Amino acid sequence: MATAKRAPAGAAVLRGDITAAIRNAVMHELAEVGYGRLSIEAVARRAGVGKTAIYRRWSNKLEMVLEIVSDVAGRSVPLPDTGSFAGDLQLLMMIVSRALQHRIASQIIPDLMAEASRNPQIAETLQKALRTHQQAVGEKLIGQAVTRGELPPGTDPEVAVDLILGPLYWRLAVSRTPLGDDYLETLIRVVTAALKTG
């Protein structure tokens, strides 16, 4: 007589829905209380799980936050080829400005940047994720524009992305100044003119 197989217990099975709930809870806790006051207990409570579910996945708070934040920070921005540098630039700036104005991101980013100045592991994780992402965006966006003849050969992708995203980050994440109706249009015009002059 055949008997039904029992699923392995304990750490052998990590349910995806529980992991997703924990990740979501971490992001909301970071937004509400910041890294310094975030606790495993509060994350478990918000996720509706026991602390052991968290400790099966991460050994401590720092490891948990680093993995989750690194994953979010490293997500690639979709960059379809619109056919022109102006179109690509407009799309990129619109996506980034919306992301920086997102309710949760606008609370988490300044807190993590401040924490990074005190915690070398957080600083290194954020820098690595953002540097990789910046390089990918620069190579595609600037590479396409150079190939089309819209920007001069030798345009530095790293400097270009700093020039493109720096003002948005400063305005939305640091000074927290709302974007005016024509701000993006003006920024696109100024950035394009600067990059064309080499």
Protein backbone atom coordinates (compact mmCIF):
# COMPACT_ATOMS: atom_id res chain seq x y z
CA MET A 1 0.00 0.00 0.00
CA ALA A 2 1.49 3.31 -1.11
CA THR A 3 1.68 6.15 1.34
CA ALA A 4 1.67 9.85 0.45
CA LYS A 5 5.09 11.50 0.58
CA ARG A 6 5.44 14.17 3.21
CA ALA A 7 7.09 17.48 2.28
CA PRO A 8 10.39 18.04 4.05
CA ALA A 9 10.11 20.24 7.12
CA GLY A 10 12.18 23.15 8.39
CA ALA A 11 14.79 24.95 6.33
CA ALA A 12 14.52 22.46 3.47
CA VAL A 13 11.61 24.40 1.99
CA LEU A 14 11.62 28.19 1.61
CA ARG A 15 8.23 29.28 0.33
CA GLY A 16 8.37 32.05 -2.24
CA ASP A 17 5.24 33.77 -0.98
CA ILE A 18 6.75 34.06 2.51
CA THR A 19 10.03 35.43 1.10
CA ALA A 20 8.04 37.99 -0.92
CA ALA A 21 6.05 39.01 2.18
CA ILE A 22 9.26 39.47 4.17
CA ARG A 23 10.88 41.54 1.39
CA ASN A 24 7.79 43.74 1.19
CA ALA A 25 7.75 44.14 4.97
CA VAL A 26 11.43 45.14 5.02
CA MET A 27 10.84 47.89 2.45
CA HIS A 28 7.85 49.27 4.37
CA GLU A 29 9.70 49.15 7.70
CA LEU A 30 12.71 50.93 6.15
CA ALA A 31 10.38 53.62 4.85
CA GLU A 32 8.63 54.07 8.18
CA VAL A 33 11.42 53.80 10.75
CA GLY A 34 14.72 53.73 8.84
CA TYR A 35 17.56 51.23 9.06
CA GLY A 36 18.65 52.18 12.57
CA ARG A 37 15.29 51.41 14.18
CA LEU A 38 14.33 48.51 11.92
CA SER A 39 14.05 45.22 13.82
CA ILE A 40 13.63 41.56 12.85
CA GLU A 41 10.63 41.41 15.20
CA ALA A 42 8.85 44.28 13.45
CA VAL A 43 9.55 42.83 10.01
CA ALA A 44 8.22 39.42 11.09
CA ARG A 45 5.09 41.03 12.57
CA ARG A 46 4.41 43.04 9.42
CA ALA A 47 5.03 40.02 7.16
CA GLY A 48 2.78 37.83 9.31
CA VAL A 49 5.52 35.26 9.93
CA GLY A 50 7.63 34.05 12.82
CA LYS A 51 11.19 35.30 13.31
CA THR A 52 12.47 31.84 12.41
CA ALA A 53 11.15 32.32 8.84
CA ILE A 54 13.47 35.33 8.55
CA TYR A 55 16.46 33.62 10.16
CA ARG A 56 16.11 30.69 7.73
CA ARG A 57 16.80 33.18 4.93
CA TRP A 58 19.21 35.69 6.49
CA SER A 59 21.44 35.42 9.53
CA ASN A 60 20.96 39.01 10.72
CA LYS A 61 19.36 42.37 9.98
CA LEU A 62 22.29 43.75 7.98
CA GLU A 63 22.47 40.73 5.69
CA MET A 64 18.71 40.86 5.11
CA VAL A 65 18.62 44.57 4.31
CA LEU A 66 21.73 44.42 2.10
CA GLU A 67 20.36 41.62 -0.06
CA ILE A 68 16.91 43.15 -0.46
CA VAL A 69 18.12 46.70 -1.08
CA SER A 70 20.84 45.51 -3.45
CA ASP A 71 18.23 43.60 -5.44
CA VAL A 72 15.96 46.66 -5.68
CA ALA A 73 18.82 49.10 -6.45
CA GLY A 74 20.23 46.80 -9.11
CA ARG A 75 17.00 46.36 -11.04
CA SER A 76 17.52 47.59 -14.55
CA VAL A 77 15.53 50.51 -15.90
CA PRO A 78 13.83 49.48 -19.14
CA LEU A 79 15.48 51.41 -21.96
CA PRO A 80 13.76 50.72 -25.25
CA ASP A 81 15.25 52.33 -28.33
CA THR A 82 12.78 55.11 -29.15
CA GLY A 83 14.73 56.06 -32.28
CA SER A 84 16.23 59.29 -30.97
CA PHE A 85 18.44 60.47 -28.13
CA ALA A 86 15.80 63.04 -27.13
CA GLY A 87 13.16 60.30 -26.91
CA ASP A 88 15.45 57.94 -24.99
CA LEU A 89 16.43 60.75 -22.60
CA GLN A 90 12.83 61.79 -22.01
CA LEU A 91 11.82 58.20 -21.25
CA LEU A 92 14.76 57.63 -18.88
CA MET A 93 14.16 60.89 -16.98
CA MET A 94 10.45 60.19 -16.68
CA ILE A 95 11.08 56.67 -15.27
CA VAL A 96 13.76 57.87 -12.83
CA SER A 97 11.80 60.90 -11.65
CA ARG A 98 8.74 58.74 -10.97
CA ALA A 99 10.86 56.20 -9.09
CA LEU A 100 12.47 58.92 -6.94
CA GLN A 101 9.04 60.37 -6.14
CA HIS A 102 7.56 57.00 -5.18
CA ARG A 103 6.22 57.15 -1.62
CA ILE A 104 8.44 54.37 -0.27
CA ALA A 105 11.58 55.11 -2.32
CA SER A 106 11.52 58.79 -1.36
CA GLN A 107 11.71 57.78 2.31
CA ILE A 108 14.20 54.91 2.00
CA ILE A 109 16.83 56.49 -0.29
CA PRO A 110 17.89 59.43 1.95
CA ASP A 111 17.96 57.18 5.03
CA LEU A 112 20.14 54.54 3.34
CA MET A 113 22.49 57.18 1.94
CA ALA A 114 22.95 58.56 5.46
CA GLU A 115 23.42 55.04 6.83
CA ALA A 116 25.99 54.32 4.11
CA SER A 117 28.18 57.11 5.47
CA ARG A 118 28.33 55.21 8.79
CA ASN A 119 28.30 51.62 7.55
CA PRO A 120 30.96 50.55 5.00
CA GLN A 121 29.07 47.36 4.09
CA ILE A 122 25.92 49.28 3.17
CA ALA A 123 28.02 51.84 1.26
CA GLU A 124 29.84 49.13 -0.71
CA THR A 125 26.62 47.24 -1.55
CA LEU A 126 24.83 50.36 -2.76
CA GLN A 127 27.82 51.58 -4.77
CA LYS A 128 28.25 48.22 -6.46
CA ALA A 129 24.58 47.92 -7.43
CA LEU A 130 24.30 51.52 -8.61
CA ARG A 131 27.63 51.47 -10.48
CA THR A 132 26.64 48.34 -12.41
CA HIS A 133 23.26 49.84 -13.25
CA GLN A 134 24.76 53.20 -14.24
CA GLN A 135 27.26 51.52 -16.54
CA ALA A 136 24.52 49.52 -18.30
CA VAL A 137 22.34 52.61 -18.78
CA GLY A 138 25.27 54.71 -20.03
CA GLU A 139 26.53 52.13 -22.50
CA LYS A 140 23.09 51.63 -24.04
CA LEU A 141 21.80 55.21 -24.01
CA ILE A 142 25.02 56.93 -25.09
CA GLY A 143 26.08 54.07 -27.37
CA GLN A 144 22.81 54.34 -29.32
CA ALA A 145 23.13 58.11 -29.62
CA VAL A 146 26.74 57.91 -30.87
CA THR A 147 25.80 55.20 -33.40
CA ARG A 148 22.97 57.38 -34.73
CA GLY A 149 25.35 60.35 -35.01
CA GLU A 150 23.42 62.36 -32.41
CA LEU A 151 26.38 62.59 -30.02
CA PRO A 152 30.09 62.86 -30.87
CA PRO A 153 32.24 59.72 -30.83
CA GLY A 154 34.11 59.38 -27.55
CA THR A 155 31.25 60.76 -25.43
CA ASP A 156 31.94 59.40 -21.94
CA PRO A 157 28.93 57.27 -20.86
CA GLU A 158 29.76 57.55 -17.14
CA VAL A 159 29.98 61.35 -17.18
CA ALA A 160 26.86 61.50 -19.36
CA VAL A 161 24.78 59.46 -16.90
CA ASP A 162 26.04 61.61 -14.00
CA LEU A 163 24.96 64.69 -15.95
CA ILE A 164 21.58 63.15 -16.80
CA LEU A 165 20.63 61.66 -13.42
CA GLY A 166 22.54 63.91 -11.01
CA PRO A 167 20.14 66.87 -11.23
CA LEU A 168 17.11 64.61 -10.77
CA TYR A 169 18.62 62.92 -7.72
CA TRP A 170 19.65 66.26 -6.23
CA ARG A 171 16.27 67.86 -6.77
CA LEU A 172 14.04 64.95 -5.72
CA ALA A 173 16.08 63.02 -3.13
CA VAL A 174 18.25 65.73 -1.56
CA SER A 175 16.55 69.12 -1.78
CA ARG A 176 13.09 67.53 -2.20
CA THR A 177 11.93 70.20 -4.60
CA PRO A 178 8.96 69.28 -6.81
CA LEU A 179 9.52 69.25 -10.56
CA GLY A 180 7.90 72.15 -12.39
CA ASP A 181 5.82 71.54 -15.51
CA ASP A 182 8.67 72.20 -17.91
CA TYR A 183 11.61 71.08 -15.72
CA LEU A 184 12.30 67.79 -17.53
CA GLU A 185 11.99 69.44 -20.93
CA THR A 186 14.48 72.14 -19.93
CA LEU A 187 16.85 69.59 -18.38
CA ILE A 188 16.75 67.44 -21.54
CA ARG A 189 17.60 70.48 -23.67
CA VAL A 190 20.49 71.57 -21.42
CA VAL A 191 21.94 68.05 -21.05
CA THR A 192 21.74 67.41 -24.79
CA ALA A 193 23.47 70.70 -25.58
CA ALA A 194 26.23 69.97 -23.05
CA LEU A 195 26.86 66.44 -24.38
CA LYS A 196 26.91 67.61 -28.01
CA THR A 197 29.69 70.07 -27.25
CA GLY A 198 31.75 67.19 -25.89
